[in-house]
Structures are given as C-alpha cells and as structure tokens.
C-alpha atoms as a PDB file:
ATOM      1  CA  MET A   1      16.744  -8.768  -9.616  1.00  0.00           C
ATOM      2  CA  ASN A   2      18.289  -7.425 -12.813  1.00  0.00           C
ATOM      3  CA  ARG A   3      16.591  -3.962 -12.963  1.00  0.00           C
ATOM      4  CA  SER A   4      18.887  -0.950 -12.567  1.00  0.00           C
ATOM      5  CA  PRO A   5      17.479   1.142  -9.754  1.00  0.00           C
ATOM      6  CA  LYS A   6      17.103   4.865  -9.540  1.00  0.00           C
ATOM      7  CA  GLN A   7      17.981   6.422  -6.227  1.00  0.00           C
ATOM      8  CA  PHE A   8      16.479   8.997  -3.932  1.00  0.00           C
ATOM      9  CA  GLY A   9      17.183   9.648  -0.203  1.00  0.00           C
ATOM     10  CA  TRP A  10      16.578  11.621   2.943  1.00  0.00           C
ATOM     11  CA  THR A  11      18.604  12.417   6.055  1.00  0.00           C
ATOM     12  CA  GLY A  12      16.610  11.916   9.333  1.00  0.00           C
ATOM     13  CA  LEU A  13      13.144  12.947   8.531  1.00  0.00           C
ATOM     14  CA  VAL A  14      14.189  15.660   5.993  1.00  0.00           C
ATOM     15  CA  LEU A  15      14.318  15.005   2.258  1.00  0.00           C
ATOM     16  CA  ALA A  16      17.871  15.068   0.948  1.00  0.00           C
ATOM     17  CA  GLY A  17      16.835  14.956  -2.749  1.00  0.00           C
ATOM     18  CA  LEU A  18      18.188  13.289  -5.759  1.00  0.00           C
ATOM     19  CA  VAL A  19      21.587  11.769  -5.417  1.00  0.00           C
ATOM     20  CA  SER A  20      23.872   9.868  -7.767  1.00  0.00           C
ATOM     21  CA  LEU A  21      23.129   6.303  -8.809  1.00  0.00           C
ATOM     22  CA  TRP A  22      24.691   3.490  -6.982  1.00  0.00           C
ATOM     23  CA  PRO A  23      25.774   0.396  -8.860  1.00  0.00           C
ATOM     24  CA  ALA A  24      22.837  -2.025  -9.119  1.00  0.00           C
ATOM     25  CA  PRO A  25      23.559  -4.914  -6.726  1.00  0.00           C
ATOM     26  CA  GLY A  26      20.900  -7.553  -5.988  1.00  0.00           C
ATOM     27  CA  ALA A  27      18.094  -6.337  -3.785  1.00  0.00           C
ATOM     28  CA  GLY A  28      18.936  -8.704  -0.989  1.00  0.00           C
ATOM     29  CA  SER A  29      20.050 -12.268  -0.175  1.00  0.00           C
ATOM     30  CA  GLU A  30      16.758 -13.844  -1.306  1.00  0.00           C
ATOM     31  CA  SER A  31      14.709 -14.116  -4.490  1.00  0.00           C
ATOM     32  CA  PHE A  32      10.954 -13.827  -4.681  1.00  0.00           C
ATOM     33  CA  GLY A  33       8.772 -16.918  -4.283  1.00  0.00           C
ATOM     34  CA  VAL A  34       5.048 -17.503  -4.435  1.00  0.00           C
ATOM     35  CA  TYR A  35       3.510 -16.865  -1.056  1.00  0.00           C
ATOM     36  CA  GLU A  36      -0.060 -17.169  -2.330  1.00  0.00           C
ATOM     37  CA  ASP A  37      -1.653 -18.051  -5.631  1.00  0.00           C
ATOM     38  CA  TRP A  38      -5.139 -18.774  -4.263  1.00  0.00           C
ATOM     39  CA  LYS A  39      -4.991 -22.365  -5.631  1.00  0.00           C
ATOM     40  CA  SER A  40      -4.410 -24.452  -2.473  1.00  0.00           C
ATOM     41  CA  ALA A  41      -7.839 -23.858  -0.800  1.00  0.00           C
ATOM     42  CA  ARG A  42     -11.256 -22.702  -1.786  1.00  0.00           C
ATOM     43  CA  THR A  43     -11.336 -20.280   1.087  1.00  0.00           C
ATOM     44  CA  ILE A  44      -8.778 -17.843   2.446  1.00  0.00           C
ATOM     45  CA  ARG A  45      -6.217 -19.820   4.442  1.00  0.00           C
ATOM     46  CA  SER A  46      -6.230 -18.806   8.070  1.00  0.00           C
ATOM     47  CA  ASP A  47      -2.566 -19.928   8.494  1.00  0.00           C
ATOM     48  CA  ARG A  48      -1.489 -17.331   5.932  1.00  0.00           C
ATOM     49  CA  TRP A  49      -3.890 -14.459   6.200  1.00  0.00           C
ATOM     50  CA  ILE A  50      -6.202 -12.473   8.518  1.00  0.00           C
ATOM     51  CA  ALA A  51      -8.691  -9.870   7.256  1.00  0.00           C
ATOM     52  CA  ARG A  52      -9.821  -6.685   8.886  1.00  0.00           C
ATOM     53  CA  GLU A  53     -12.105  -3.706   8.195  1.00  0.00           C
ATOM     54  CA  ASP A  54     -11.147  -0.241   9.503  1.00  0.00           C
ATOM     55  CA  GLY A  55     -12.432   3.254   9.384  1.00  0.00           C
ATOM     56  CA  ALA A  56     -16.072   4.072   8.621  1.00  0.00           C
ATOM     57  CA  PRO A  57     -18.340   1.211   7.752  1.00  0.00           C
ATOM     58  CA  ALA A  58     -19.035   0.640   4.096  1.00  0.00           C
ATOM     59  CA  GLN A  59     -22.536  -0.219   2.822  1.00  0.00           C
ATOM     60  CA  ASP A  60     -21.354  -3.182   0.731  1.00  0.00           C
ATOM     61  CA  VAL A  61     -18.294  -5.300   1.704  1.00  0.00           C
ATOM     62  CA  ALA A  62     -17.118  -8.597   0.199  1.00  0.00           C
ATOM     63  CA  LEU A  63     -13.932 -10.647   0.373  1.00  0.00           C
ATOM     64  CA  GLY A  64     -13.463 -14.031  -1.136  1.00  0.00           C
ATOM     65  CA  ILE A  65     -11.644 -16.237  -3.673  1.00  0.00           C
ATOM     66  CA  ASP A  66     -12.915 -16.188  -7.308  1.00  0.00           C
ATOM     67  CA  GLY A  67     -11.018 -18.599  -9.468  1.00  0.00           C
ATOM     68  CA  HIS A  68      -7.366 -17.925  -8.752  1.00  0.00           C
ATOM     69  CA  ASP A  69      -7.892 -14.369  -7.527  1.00  0.00           C
ATOM     70  CA  LEU A  70      -8.820 -12.862  -4.191  1.00  0.00           C
ATOM     71  CA  VAL A  71     -11.597 -10.314  -4.788  1.00  0.00           C
ATOM     72  CA  MET A  72     -11.826  -7.299  -2.450  1.00  0.00           C
ATOM     73  CA  ARG A  73     -15.066  -5.310  -2.850  1.00  0.00           C
ATOM     74  CA  GLN A  74     -16.260  -2.185  -1.064  1.00  0.00           C
ATOM     75  CA  ARG A  75     -18.907   0.430  -1.744  1.00  0.00           C
ATOM     76  CA  ARG A  76     -19.531   3.491   0.494  1.00  0.00           C
ATOM     77  CA  GLN A  77     -21.707   6.634   0.304  1.00  0.00           C
ATOM     78  CA  GLY A  78     -20.656   9.737   2.162  1.00  0.00           C
ATOM     79  CA  ALA A  79     -22.542  11.707   4.884  1.00  0.00           C
ATOM     80  CA  VAL A  80     -24.757  14.654   4.162  1.00  0.00           C
ATOM     81  CA  THR A  81     -24.295  16.591   7.404  1.00  0.00           C
ATOM     82  CA  SER A  82     -21.735  19.115   6.127  1.00  0.00           C
ATOM     83  CA  ASP A  83     -19.584  20.256   3.169  1.00  0.00           C
ATOM     84  CA  THR A  84     -16.270  19.715   4.931  1.00  0.00           C
ATOM     85  CA  GLY A  85     -14.324  16.607   5.855  1.00  0.00           C
ATOM     86  CA  ILE A  86     -14.080  13.081   4.584  1.00  0.00           C
ATOM     87  CA  THR A  87     -14.439   9.497   5.852  1.00  0.00           C
ATOM     88  CA  ALA A  88     -12.451   6.431   4.848  1.00  0.00           C
ATOM     89  CA  ALA A  89     -13.410   2.779   4.661  1.00  0.00           C
ATOM     90  CA  ILE A  90     -10.380   0.395   4.542  1.00  0.00           C
ATOM     91  CA  GLN A  91     -10.263  -3.291   3.759  1.00  0.00           C
ATOM     92  CA  THR A  92      -6.973  -5.032   4.673  1.00  0.00           C
ATOM     93  CA  LEU A  93      -5.536  -8.526   4.295  1.00  0.00           C
ATOM     94  CA  PHE A  94      -2.648  -9.052   6.700  1.00  0.00           C
ATOM     95  CA  ALA A  95      -0.008 -11.827   6.353  1.00  0.00           C
ATOM     96  CA  ARG A  96       0.328 -14.059   9.321  1.00  0.00           C
ATOM     97  CA  ASN A  97       4.095 -14.022   9.477  1.00  0.00           C
ATOM     98  CA  PRO A  98       4.984 -10.323   9.054  1.00  0.00           C
ATOM     99  CA  SER A  99       8.289 -10.414  10.942  1.00  0.00           C
ATOM    100  CA  ALA A 100       9.658 -12.769   8.255  1.00  0.00           C
ATOM    101  CA  ILE A 101       8.738 -10.543   5.282  1.00  0.00           C
ATOM    102  CA  ASP A 102      11.202  -8.033   3.896  1.00  0.00           C
ATOM    103  CA  GLN A 103      10.016  -7.983   0.308  1.00  0.00           C
ATOM    104  CA  MET A 104       6.580  -8.314  -1.205  1.00  0.00           C
ATOM    105  CA  GLU A 105       5.143  -8.249  -4.712  1.00  0.00           C
ATOM    106  CA  VAL A 106       1.420  -8.424  -5.700  1.00  0.00           C
ATOM    107  CA  ASP A 107      -0.461  -8.649  -8.973  1.00  0.00           C
ATOM    108  CA  VAL A 108      -3.558  -6.462  -9.064  1.00  0.00           C
ATOM    109  CA  ASP A 109      -6.506  -6.118 -11.492  1.00  0.00           C
ATOM    110  CA  VAL A 110      -8.946  -3.271 -10.867  1.00  0.00           C
ATOM    111  CA  ARG A 111     -12.162  -4.766 -12.094  1.00  0.00           C
ATOM    112  CA  ARG A 112     -14.391  -1.859 -11.351  1.00  0.00           C
ATOM    113  CA  MET A 113     -14.195   1.745  -9.947  1.00  0.00           C
ATOM    114  CA  GLU A 114     -16.971   4.261  -9.515  1.00  0.00           C
ATOM    115  CA  VAL A 115     -16.518   7.674  -8.024  1.00  0.00           C
ATOM    116  CA  SER A 116     -18.994  10.552  -7.575  1.00  0.00           C
ATOM    117  CA  GLY A 117     -17.796  13.638  -5.772  1.00  0.00           C
ATOM    118  CA  CYS A 118     -19.160  16.916  -4.401  1.00  0.00           C
ATOM    119  CA  GLU A 119     -19.019  20.369  -5.985  1.00  0.00           C
ATOM    120  CA  ALA A 120     -18.953  22.066  -2.516  1.00  0.00           C
ATOM    121  CA  ASN A 121     -16.288  19.683  -1.147  1.00  0.00           C
ATOM    122  CA  PRO A 122     -14.172  18.945  -4.219  1.00  0.00           C
ATOM    123  CA  GLY A 123     -11.082  16.715  -4.639  1.00  0.00           C
ATOM    124  CA  GLN A 124     -11.887  14.535  -1.651  1.00  0.00           C
ATOM    125  CA  THR A 125     -13.816  11.559  -2.933  1.00  0.00           C
ATOM    126  CA  SER A 126     -11.656   8.823  -4.445  1.00  0.00           C
ATOM    127  CA  VAL A 127     -10.627   5.173  -4.467  1.00  0.00           C
ATOM    128  CA  ARG A 128      -7.213   3.850  -3.517  1.00  0.00           C
ATOM    129  CA  PRO A 129      -7.578   0.445  -5.229  1.00  0.00           C
ATOM    130  CA  ALA A 130      -4.358  -1.061  -3.913  1.00  0.00           C
ATOM    131  CA  LEU A 131      -1.865  -0.395  -1.121  1.00  0.00           C
ATOM    132  CA  LEU A 132       1.083  -2.803  -0.460  1.00  0.00           C
ATOM    133  CA  ALA A 133       2.787  -2.096   2.901  1.00  0.00           C
ATOM    134  CA  PHE A 134       5.034  -3.680   5.407  1.00  0.00           C
ATOM    135  CA  GLY A 135       6.885  -2.660   8.532  1.00  0.00           C
ATOM    136  CA  ALA A 136      10.598  -2.241   8.748  1.00  0.00           C
ATOM    137  CA  PHE A 137      12.534  -0.509  11.644  1.00  0.00           C
ATOM    138  CA  ASN A 138      12.094   1.682  14.655  1.00  0.00           C
ATOM    139  CA  ASP A 139      14.067   4.851  15.236  1.00  0.00           C
ATOM    140  CA  GLY A 140      14.389   4.380  18.927  1.00  0.00           C
ATOM    141  CA  THR A 141      11.674   6.784  20.096  1.00  0.00           C
ATOM    142  CA  PRO A 142      10.028   5.399  23.250  1.00  0.00           C
ATOM    143  CA  GLY A 143       6.297   4.540  23.405  1.00  0.00           C
ATOM    144  CA  GLY A 144       4.741   1.574  21.717  1.00  0.00           C
ATOM    145  CA  GLN A 145       4.831   1.835  17.934  1.00  0.00           C
ATOM    146  CA  THR A 146       6.077   5.421  18.000  1.00  0.00           C
ATOM    147  CA  GLY A 147       9.077   5.642  15.642  1.00  0.00           C
ATOM    148  CA  ASP A 148       8.121   2.503  13.686  1.00  0.00           C
ATOM    149  CA  HIS A 149       8.835   3.097   9.912  1.00  0.00           C
ATOM    150  CA  TYR A 150       7.069   1.213   7.137  1.00  0.00           C
ATOM    151  CA  ILE A 151       7.237   1.151   3.295  1.00  0.00           C
ATOM    152  CA  GLN A 152       4.043   1.538   1.285  1.00  0.00           C
ATOM    153  CA  VAL A 153       3.325   1.483  -2.452  1.00  0.00           C
ATOM    154  CA  GLN A 154      -0.027   3.227  -2.874  1.00  0.00           C
ATOM    155  CA  VAL A 155      -2.202   3.417  -5.975  1.00  0.00           C
ATOM    156  CA  ASN A 156      -4.500   6.515  -6.083  1.00  0.00           C
ATOM    157  CA  GLY A 157      -7.496   6.878  -8.387  1.00  0.00           C
ATOM    158  CA  PRO A 158      -8.633  10.296  -9.644  1.00  0.00           C
ATOM    159  CA  ALA A 159     -10.862  12.408  -7.386  1.00  0.00           C
ATOM    160  CA  ASP A 160     -14.584  13.071  -7.819  1.00  0.00           C
ATOM    161  CA  THR A 161     -15.088  11.332 -11.183  1.00  0.00           C
ATOM    162  CA  ILE A 162     -13.539   8.521 -13.262  1.00  0.00           C
ATOM    163  CA  ASP A 163     -13.879   6.944 -16.682  1.00  0.00           C
ATOM    164  CA  ARG A 164     -12.008   4.293 -18.686  1.00  0.00           C
ATOM    165  CA  ALA A 165      -9.497   6.836 -19.963  1.00  0.00           C
ATOM    166  CA  SER A 166      -8.425   7.826 -16.407  1.00  0.00           C
ATOM    167  CA  LEU A 167      -5.063   7.084 -14.980  1.00  0.00           C
ATOM    168  CA  LEU A 168      -4.026   5.650 -11.611  1.00  0.00           C
ATOM    169  CA  ASP A 169      -1.166   7.390  -9.844  1.00  0.00           C
ATOM    170  CA  VAL A 170       1.367   5.165  -7.976  1.00  0.00           C
ATOM    171  CA  GLN A 171       3.326   6.594  -5.047  1.00  0.00           C
ATOM    172  CA  ALA A 172       6.064   5.222  -2.825  1.00  0.00           C
ATOM    173  CA  ASN A 173       5.565   6.331   0.737  1.00  0.00           C
ATOM    174  CA  VAL A 174       7.907   5.850   3.729  1.00  0.00           C
ATOM    175  CA  VAL A 175       5.704   6.412   6.831  1.00  0.00           C
ATOM    176  CA  ARG A 176       6.689   6.928  10.441  1.00  0.00           C
ATOM    177  CA  CYS A 177       4.241   6.053  13.249  1.00  0.00           C
ATOM    178  CA  SER A 178       3.768   9.157  15.323  1.00  0.00           C
ATOM    179  CA  ASN A 179       2.117   7.690  18.436  1.00  0.00           C
ATOM    180  CA  ALA A 180       2.032   4.498  20.411  1.00  0.00           C
ATOM    181  CA  SER A 181      -0.832   2.862  18.419  1.00  0.00           C
ATOM    182  CA  CYS A 182       0.319   4.175  15.040  1.00  0.00           C
ATOM    183  CA  SER A 183      -3.152   5.750  14.572  1.00  0.00           C
ATOM    184  CA  VAL A 184      -1.222   8.894  13.524  1.00  0.00           C
ATOM    185  CA  GLY A 185       0.901   7.638  10.656  1.00  0.00           C
ATOM    186  CA  ASP A 186      -0.700   8.707   7.530  1.00  0.00           C
ATOM    187  CA  SER A 187       1.647  11.576   6.773  1.00  0.00           C
ATOM    188  CA  PRO A 188       4.648  10.110   5.048  1.00  0.00           C
ATOM    189  CA  VAL A 189       8.092  11.400   5.859  1.00  0.00           C
ATOM    190  CA  TYR A 190       8.905  10.591   2.250  1.00  0.00           C
ATOM    191  CA  ARG A 191       6.545  10.498  -0.726  1.00  0.00           C
ATOM    192  CA  LEU A 192       7.480  10.017  -4.418  1.00  0.00           C
ATOM    193  CA  GLY A 193       5.439   9.445  -7.481  1.00  0.00           C
ATOM    194  CA  ILE A 194       6.790   6.503  -9.393  1.00  0.00           C
ATOM    195  CA  ALA A 195       4.316   5.548 -12.197  1.00  0.00           C
ATOM    196  CA  THR A 196       1.021   6.193 -13.847  1.00  0.00           C
ATOM    197  CA  ILE A 197      -1.178   3.313 -15.021  1.00  0.00           C
ATOM    198  CA  PRO A 198      -4.324   3.205 -17.210  1.00  0.00           C
ATOM    199  CA  VAL A 199      -7.229   2.377 -14.979  1.00  0.00           C
ATOM    200  CA  SER A 200      -8.219  -0.664 -17.100  1.00  0.00           C
ATOM    201  CA  THR A 201      -4.720  -2.230 -17.144  1.00  0.00           C
ATOM    202  CA  PRO A 202      -3.586  -4.913 -14.577  1.00  0.00           C
ATOM    203  CA  PHE A 203      -0.387  -4.152 -12.835  1.00  0.00           C
ATOM    204  CA  THR A 204       2.225  -5.482 -10.332  1.00  0.00           C
ATOM    205  CA  LEU A 205       3.423  -3.608  -7.270  1.00  0.00           C
ATOM    206  CA  ARG A 206       6.737  -4.386  -5.565  1.00  0.00           C
ATOM    207  CA  ALA A 207       8.571  -3.253  -2.400  1.00  0.00           C
ATOM    208  CA  ILE A 208      11.777  -4.518  -0.897  1.00  0.00           C
ATOM    209  CA  TRP A 209      13.628  -3.585   2.265  1.00  0.00           C
ATOM    210  CA  ASP A 210      17.367  -3.862   1.633  1.00  0.00           C
ATOM    211  CA  ARG A 211      18.407  -3.396   5.271  1.00  0.00           C
ATOM    212  CA  ALA A 212      22.130  -4.036   4.693  1.00  0.00           C
ATOM    213  CA  ASN A 213      22.328  -1.081   2.325  1.00  0.00           C
ATOM    214  CA  HIS A 214      19.881   1.194   4.264  1.00  0.00           C
ATOM    215  CA  ARG A 215      17.291   1.561   1.507  1.00  0.00           C
ATOM    216  CA  PHE A 216      13.956   0.481   0.095  1.00  0.00           C
ATOM    217  CA  LEU A 217      13.389  -0.565  -3.475  1.00  0.00           C
ATOM    218  CA  VAL A 218       9.991   0.052  -5.032  1.00  0.00           C
ATOM    219  CA  GLY A 219       8.659  -0.697  -8.470  1.00  0.00           C
ATOM    220  CA  VAL A 220       5.786  -1.235 -10.839  1.00  0.00           C
ATOM    221  CA  ASN A 221       5.601  -4.015 -13.414  1.00  0.00           C
ATOM    222  CA  GLY A 222       8.960  -4.457 -15.058  1.00  0.00           C
ATOM    223  CA  ASP A 223      10.015  -0.855 -14.644  1.00  0.00           C
ATOM    224  CA  PRO A 224      13.401  -0.230 -12.943  1.00  0.00           C
ATOM    225  CA  ASP A 225      13.200  -0.197  -9.174  1.00  0.00           C
ATOM    226  CA  VAL A 226      13.484   3.120  -7.386  1.00  0.00           C
ATOM    227  CA  GLU A 227      15.809   3.348  -4.406  1.00  0.00           C
ATOM    228  CA  LEU A 228      14.688   5.218  -1.354  1.00  0.00           C
ATOM    229  CA  VAL A 229      17.770   5.628   0.787  1.00  0.00           C
ATOM    230  CA  TYR A 230      17.577   6.476   4.581  1.00  0.00           C
ATOM    231  CA  ASP A 231      19.996   7.455   7.247  1.00  0.00           C
ATOM    232  CA  PRO A 232      21.251   4.251   8.864  1.00  0.00           C
ATOM    233  CA  ALA A 233      21.155   5.933  12.301  1.00  0.00           C
ATOM    234  CA  LEU A 234      17.274   5.755  12.128  1.00  0.00           C
ATOM    235  CA  ASP A 235      17.426   1.927  12.219  1.00  0.00           C
ATOM    236  CA  THR A 236      17.872   1.119  15.892  1.00  0.00           C
ATOM    237  CA  GLY A 237      15.938  -2.133  15.819  1.00  0.00           C
ATOM    238  CA  ASN A 238      13.023  -4.013  14.271  1.00  0.00           C
ATOM    239  CA  ALA A 239       9.634  -2.398  14.018  1.00  0.00           C
ATOM    240  CA  ARG A 240       7.954  -2.948  17.418  1.00  0.00           C
ATOM    241  CA  VAL A 241       4.708  -4.136  15.779  1.00  0.00           C
ATOM    242  CA  PRO A 242       5.518  -5.851  12.471  1.00  0.00           C
ATOM    243  CA  PHE A 243       2.953  -6.133   9.700  1.00  0.00           C
ATOM    244  CA  ALA A 244       2.693  -6.955   5.986  1.00  0.00           C
ATOM    245  CA  SER A 245      -0.477  -6.253   4.186  1.00  0.00           C
ATOM    246  CA  VAL A 246      -2.475  -5.587   0.971  1.00  0.00           C
ATOM    247  CA  ARG A 247      -5.414  -3.273   1.241  1.00  0.00           C
ATOM    248  CA  THR A 248      -7.999  -1.113  -0.502  1.00  0.00           C
ATOM    249  CA  ALA A 249      -9.488   2.202   0.668  1.00  0.00           C
ATOM    250  CA  LEU A 250     -12.515   4.320  -0.061  1.00  0.00           C
ATOM    251  CA  LEU A 251     -12.495   8.028   0.642  1.00  0.00           C
ATOM    252  CA  THR A 252     -15.961   9.788   0.642  1.00  0.00           C
ATOM    253  CA  ALA A 253     -16.488  13.514   1.064  1.00  0.00           C
ATOM    254  CA  ASN A 254     -19.270  14.902   3.259  1.00  0.00           C
ATOM    255  CA  CYS A 255     -21.735  16.792   1.054  1.00  0.00           C
ATOM    256  CA  THR A 256     -25.076  18.497   1.885  1.00  0.00           C
ATOM    257  CA  ALA A 257     -26.249  18.400  -1.750  1.00  0.00           C
ATOM    258  CA  GLY A 258     -26.266  14.652  -1.876  1.00  0.00           C
ATOM    259  CA  ARG A 259     -24.286  11.611  -1.005  1.00  0.00           C
ATOM    260  CA  THR A 260     -20.921  11.052  -2.573  1.00  0.00           C
ATOM    261  CA  LEU A 261     -19.954   7.595  -3.715  1.00  0.00           C
ATOM    262  CA  ALA A 262     -16.755   5.459  -3.897  1.00  0.00           C
ATOM    263  CA  ASP A 263     -17.039   1.887  -5.160  1.00  0.00           C
ATOM    264  CA  ALA A 264     -14.350  -0.581  -6.124  1.00  0.00           C
ATOM    265  CA  GLU A 265     -13.886  -4.220  -6.928  1.00  0.00           C
ATOM    266  CA  VAL A 266     -10.140  -5.303  -7.012  1.00  0.00           C
ATOM    267  CA  ALA A 267      -8.815  -8.734  -7.830  1.00  0.00           C
ATOM    268  CA  ILE A 268      -5.550  -9.669  -6.107  1.00  0.00           C
ATOM    269  CA  GLY A 269      -3.557 -12.259  -8.025  1.00  0.00           C
ATOM    270  CA  VAL A 270      -0.314 -13.891  -7.103  1.00  0.00           C
ATOM    271  CA  VAL A 271       1.409 -12.591  -3.977  1.00  0.00           C
ATOM    272  CA  ARG A 272       5.151 -13.099  -3.741  1.00  0.00           C
ATOM    273  CA  THR A 273       7.556 -12.638  -0.794  1.00  0.00           C
ATOM    274  CA  ASN A 274      11.109 -13.467   0.083  1.00  0.00           C
ATOM    275  CA  VAL A 275      11.355 -17.295  -0.131  1.00  0.00           C
ATOM    276  CA  SER A 276      11.951 -17.743   3.660  1.00  0.00           C
ATOM    277  CA  ALA A 277       8.624 -16.085   4.516  1.00  0.00           C
ATOM    278  CA  ILE A 278       6.533 -18.577   2.533  1.00  0.00           C
ATOM    279  CA  ILE A 279       4.188 -20.690   4.536  1.00  0.00           C
ATOM    280  CA  PRO A 280       3.742 -24.188   3.000  1.00  0.00           C
END
C-alpha cells in the first residue's frame, strides 16, 4: 500500500498516546485480492461464509444477494417496560477461513437508515451500519478466549434521530476478550475516531494486522492508514478462537412512552483479503 500511515499506540492495556511517525513500509507481505464480489453464485456461498443473528430478535430480518451486492436488512422496535437500558440486534457474516485472514477490506453502501429515540432514555437508540472485525493474538491469559485481541473498524450512526444531512462516525477499536466465551468484550482497550462520512455516501473500510511490526493499520476510503501500535509482549500466540466478519447492529432504547425504532438496509459490495486467504 502507498498510503503514509499515522501512528498511535498503547503499552499493555494503557493508552500510550501519540508517538512519532514511522517510515511507511508496506503493510505486510501480501497485497489485497478479491475474496468475494457476489458474482460467482446467486446465493451466499457456504464454502466462503456463514451467517448468524445475535442479541435480541429483530422484527424484520433479511440477508441475500441483490445484483452484485449482499444486502443485510434489520428492523427492530424497543421494549416499553422501562425508561432505562437498551437491547441490541446483530447480524453477522463470518468468513469460513478466519485463521488465514490478517487483512480485510469491504465496500459498503448504506441504502437506508431510520432511527427514532426516547426523550426519557436519550442517546441510546442508533444503528451501527457496518463493523469489520477479525481476531489477531492472545495475551497468554488462561481460560478459553480470555485474552484474545481483535481489531474492529466500527461505523456509528447518530443517536435518536437521523436525516440525509447526518454524518456517520468511524472508529477503530482494539478489543480484548474478558472471559472464556468472549461475551464480555465490548469495552475496547483502545478506541480512536478516524473519520466522518456523510450518511448517503458509499465508503470502504480497511483493517490490516501487521504482526511483524506489532501494529494494526486501519483506514477509510483512500485516506492514509492509521497505525495502532501495541506492546509486542502482549502477542503470546494466535487468538484461540479466530474469526473474520462483517456485521450490522441495531441498538434500541427501552421507553415507556412508546417503542423506539432502529431500521437499516446495508449493501456489502466487494470484500478483499490478503491473497492467501481467498477461497477459489
């Protein structure tokens, strides 16, 4: 890659802050290649992908190929039992060969988003239209997935209301699994805002694990990659449960005055990975 990266880092699990720029070597030993362009089959290929729904059930759920895009659709209304708390509905597409993937790039078009929040429980209802994530290393903590670290590029929509002038916020997160099943892993040990995008504009998300240089590279569109540098002592071995995924998520606040709403339709275009991970 010819982008000049910016660099940030942390020591152990503590943010170390902005440090000086490194020279801009290549991201790794491989280039990106097309893992999926949704052209080789009329249905989702079972040798490349597996889909899963997590969290609270959504009222409307759809997943399928439309032209040369994969369309991920969810719609969920919140509960009316209280004015505290939220629920999440998550739709995920997992790659079948995650242990081979150390870089991933995906083209995304948010076709529709609708959000309606709650005055008594504000700032909670939103759509995360795209999250690109894959596992990397384990820090040696015993107990299942405990200590697994993964990189995530997460797109956040505005809370409670949205219109065509709204902006999407893009974050880079490094997350550490805090228990054996990684069910406690949503509190990143590192979080950095890297871009804002108009809600009506297609975009590309990118993440690379450059293990040899103890860093992740993350980027949006053709912008320079941002380097997230970690303490090499954390990398004691491969993640115990590897994964590579693209997902969408709905967050709906509880609200006694009426049901909140989060609704999204997202088109996933070409997915690229390191060439050695491509399944013919």
